[in-house]
Amino acid sequence: MKKEFLPEDRNGRLFWLIEECGEVLHYIGKAGRFGMGSRHPDGGPTNAKLILGELYDLEAAIKAVRPDLESENDLAGKCRARVQP
C-alpha cells in the first residue's frame, strides 16, 4: 500500500486488516477453482503470485493492528503462545 493511503487511526487499520483478509481469501478461492498457475484470461500474474503479494499486504496490516490491540487490552506478552515469524 502506498504510504499516502496508510490508515492513521485504529479503526482505519482494522478496516485495512479486513480488506487484506478478504483479498487473500479471494485469490485462494480463485486458485482453488482454477489452479495456482492459472492467470486471468486477459493475462497478468498467476494466482500463486497474487496470493503471495496479498499475504505480504496482510502481514503489514497485522503488524499495524497488533500494537493497537495489545495496548487496548494490555496483552503485550500475555497472549496465548504467539507464533514468531
C-alpha atoms as a PDB file:
ATOM      1  CA  MET A   1       0.000   0.000   0.000  1.00  0.00           C
ATOM      2  CA  LYS A   2       1.254   3.455  -0.835  1.00  0.00           C
ATOM      3  CA  LYS A   3       2.248   5.498   2.211  1.00  0.00           C
ATOM      4  CA  GLU A   4      -0.284   8.216   1.471  1.00  0.00           C
ATOM      5  CA  PHE A   5      -3.085   5.626   1.776  1.00  0.00           C
ATOM      6  CA  LEU A   6      -1.941   4.056   5.054  1.00  0.00           C
ATOM      7  CA  PRO A   7      -4.611   4.477   7.730  1.00  0.00           C
ATOM      8  CA  GLU A   8      -3.722   6.805  10.567  1.00  0.00           C
ATOM      9  CA  ASP A   9      -6.174   5.667  13.236  1.00  0.00           C
ATOM     10  CA  ARG A  10      -7.137   2.380  14.868  1.00  0.00           C
ATOM     11  CA  ASN A  11     -10.434   1.982  13.011  1.00  0.00           C
ATOM     12  CA  GLY A  12      -8.717   2.627   9.700  1.00  0.00           C
ATOM     13  CA  ARG A  13      -6.095  -0.007  10.492  1.00  0.00           C
ATOM     14  CA  LEU A  14      -8.795  -2.525  11.436  1.00  0.00           C
ATOM     15  CA  PHE A  15     -10.648  -1.935   8.174  1.00  0.00           C
ATOM     16  CA  TRP A  16      -7.353  -2.300   6.299  1.00  0.00           C
ATOM     17  CA  LEU A  17      -6.874  -5.669   8.017  1.00  0.00           C
ATOM     18  CA  ILE A  18     -10.385  -6.752   6.998  1.00  0.00           C
ATOM     19  CA  GLU A  19      -9.747  -5.696   3.407  1.00  0.00           C
ATOM     20  CA  GLU A  20      -6.489  -7.632   3.212  1.00  0.00           C
ATOM     21  CA  CYS A  21      -8.080 -10.764   4.701  1.00  0.00           C
ATOM     22  CA  GLY A  22     -10.759 -10.575   2.028  1.00  0.00           C
ATOM     23  CA  GLU A  23      -8.221 -10.183  -0.754  1.00  0.00           C
ATOM     24  CA  VAL A  24      -6.241 -13.220   0.436  1.00  0.00           C
ATOM     25  CA  LEU A  25      -9.445 -15.268   0.556  1.00  0.00           C
ATOM     26  CA  HIS A  26     -10.460 -14.045  -2.889  1.00  0.00           C
ATOM     27  CA  TYR A  27      -7.257 -15.234  -4.557  1.00  0.00           C
ATOM     28  CA  ILE A  28      -7.164 -18.506  -2.619  1.00  0.00           C
ATOM     29  CA  GLY A  29     -10.690 -19.144  -3.887  1.00  0.00           C
ATOM     30  CA  LYS A  30      -9.600 -18.411  -7.456  1.00  0.00           C
ATOM     31  CA  ALA A  31      -6.615 -20.730  -7.071  1.00  0.00           C
ATOM     32  CA  GLY A  32      -8.825 -23.468  -5.650  1.00  0.00           C
ATOM     33  CA  ARG A  33     -11.161 -23.192  -8.599  1.00  0.00           C
ATOM     34  CA  PHE A  34      -8.716 -22.622 -11.449  1.00  0.00           C
ATOM     35  CA  GLY A  35      -5.298 -23.676 -10.107  1.00  0.00           C
ATOM     36  CA  MET A  36      -2.272 -21.916  -8.649  1.00  0.00           C
ATOM     37  CA  GLY A  37      -0.665 -21.443 -12.058  1.00  0.00           C
ATOM     38  CA  SER A  38      -3.790 -20.030 -13.671  1.00  0.00           C
ATOM     39  CA  ARG A  39      -3.910 -16.417 -14.875  1.00  0.00           C
ATOM     40  CA  HIS A  40      -6.728 -14.039 -15.679  1.00  0.00           C
ATOM     41  CA  PRO A  41      -7.908 -14.617 -19.279  1.00  0.00           C
ATOM     42  CA  ASP A  42      -6.538 -11.174 -20.199  1.00  0.00           C
ATOM     43  CA  GLY A  43      -3.117 -12.068 -18.737  1.00  0.00           C
ATOM     44  CA  GLY A  44      -1.289 -10.955 -15.626  1.00  0.00           C
ATOM     45  CA  PRO A  45       0.343 -12.750 -12.714  1.00  0.00           C
ATOM     46  CA  THR A  46      -0.504 -16.293 -11.643  1.00  0.00           C
ATOM     47  CA  ASN A  47      -2.857 -16.950  -8.767  1.00  0.00           C
ATOM     48  CA  ALA A  48       0.155 -18.100  -6.724  1.00  0.00           C
ATOM     49  CA  LYS A  49       1.891 -14.756  -7.239  1.00  0.00           C
ATOM     50  CA  LEU A  50      -1.287 -12.848  -6.421  1.00  0.00           C
ATOM     51  CA  ILE A  51      -1.735 -14.824  -3.192  1.00  0.00           C
ATOM     52  CA  LEU A  52       1.858 -14.196  -2.183  1.00  0.00           C
ATOM     53  CA  GLY A  53       1.511 -10.456  -2.791  1.00  0.00           C
ATOM     54  CA  GLU A  54      -1.673 -10.327  -0.742  1.00  0.00           C
ATOM     55  CA  LEU A  55      -0.031 -12.299   2.075  1.00  0.00           C
ATOM     56  CA  TYR A  56       2.688  -9.641   2.254  1.00  0.00           C
ATOM     57  CA  ASP A  57      -0.005  -6.963   2.422  1.00  0.00           C
ATOM     58  CA  LEU A  58      -1.846  -8.941   5.115  1.00  0.00           C
ATOM     59  CA  GLU A  59       1.336  -9.244   7.179  1.00  0.00           C
ATOM     60  CA  ALA A  60       1.789  -5.475   7.000  1.00  0.00           C
ATOM     61  CA  ALA A  61      -1.791  -4.901   8.130  1.00  0.00           C
ATOM     62  CA  ILE A  62      -1.373  -7.359  11.018  1.00  0.00           C
ATOM     63  CA  LYS A  63       1.792  -5.579  12.136  1.00  0.00           C
ATOM     64  CA  ALA A  64      -0.063  -2.253  12.039  1.00  0.00           C
ATOM     65  CA  VAL A  65      -3.063  -3.518  14.043  1.00  0.00           C
ATOM     66  CA  ARG A  66      -1.310  -5.675  16.645  1.00  0.00           C
ATOM     67  CA  PRO A  67       0.060  -2.792  18.788  1.00  0.00           C
ATOM     68  CA  ASP A  68      -3.400  -1.198  18.936  1.00  0.00           C
ATOM     69  CA  LEU A  69      -4.952  -4.391  20.221  1.00  0.00           C
ATOM     70  CA  GLU A  70      -2.160  -5.225  22.648  1.00  0.00           C
ATOM     71  CA  SER A  71      -2.209  -1.778  24.229  1.00  0.00           C
ATOM     72  CA  GLU A  72      -6.011  -1.681  24.279  1.00  0.00           C
ATOM     73  CA  ASN A  73      -6.186  -4.941  26.203  1.00  0.00           C
ATOM     74  CA  ASP A  74      -2.836  -4.788  27.981  1.00  0.00           C
ATOM     75  CA  LEU A  75      -1.992  -8.057  26.269  1.00  0.00           C
ATOM     76  CA  ALA A  76       1.598  -7.488  25.232  1.00  0.00           C
ATOM     77  CA  GLY A  77       3.378 -10.709  26.139  1.00  0.00           C
ATOM     78  CA  LYS A  78       0.271 -12.177  27.805  1.00  0.00           C
ATOM     79  CA  CYS A  79      -1.480 -13.738  24.816  1.00  0.00           C
ATOM     80  CA  ARG A  80      -1.582 -17.456  24.312  1.00  0.00           C
ATOM     81  CA  ALA A  81       1.500 -18.832  22.602  1.00  0.00           C
ATOM     82  CA  ARG A  82       2.424 -16.310  19.946  1.00  0.00           C
ATOM     83  CA  VAL A  83       3.845 -17.584  16.721  1.00  0.00           C
ATOM     84  CA  GLN A  84       7.039 -15.812  15.791  1.00  0.00           C
ATOM     85  CA  PRO A  85       7.716 -15.404  12.059  1.00  0.00           C
END
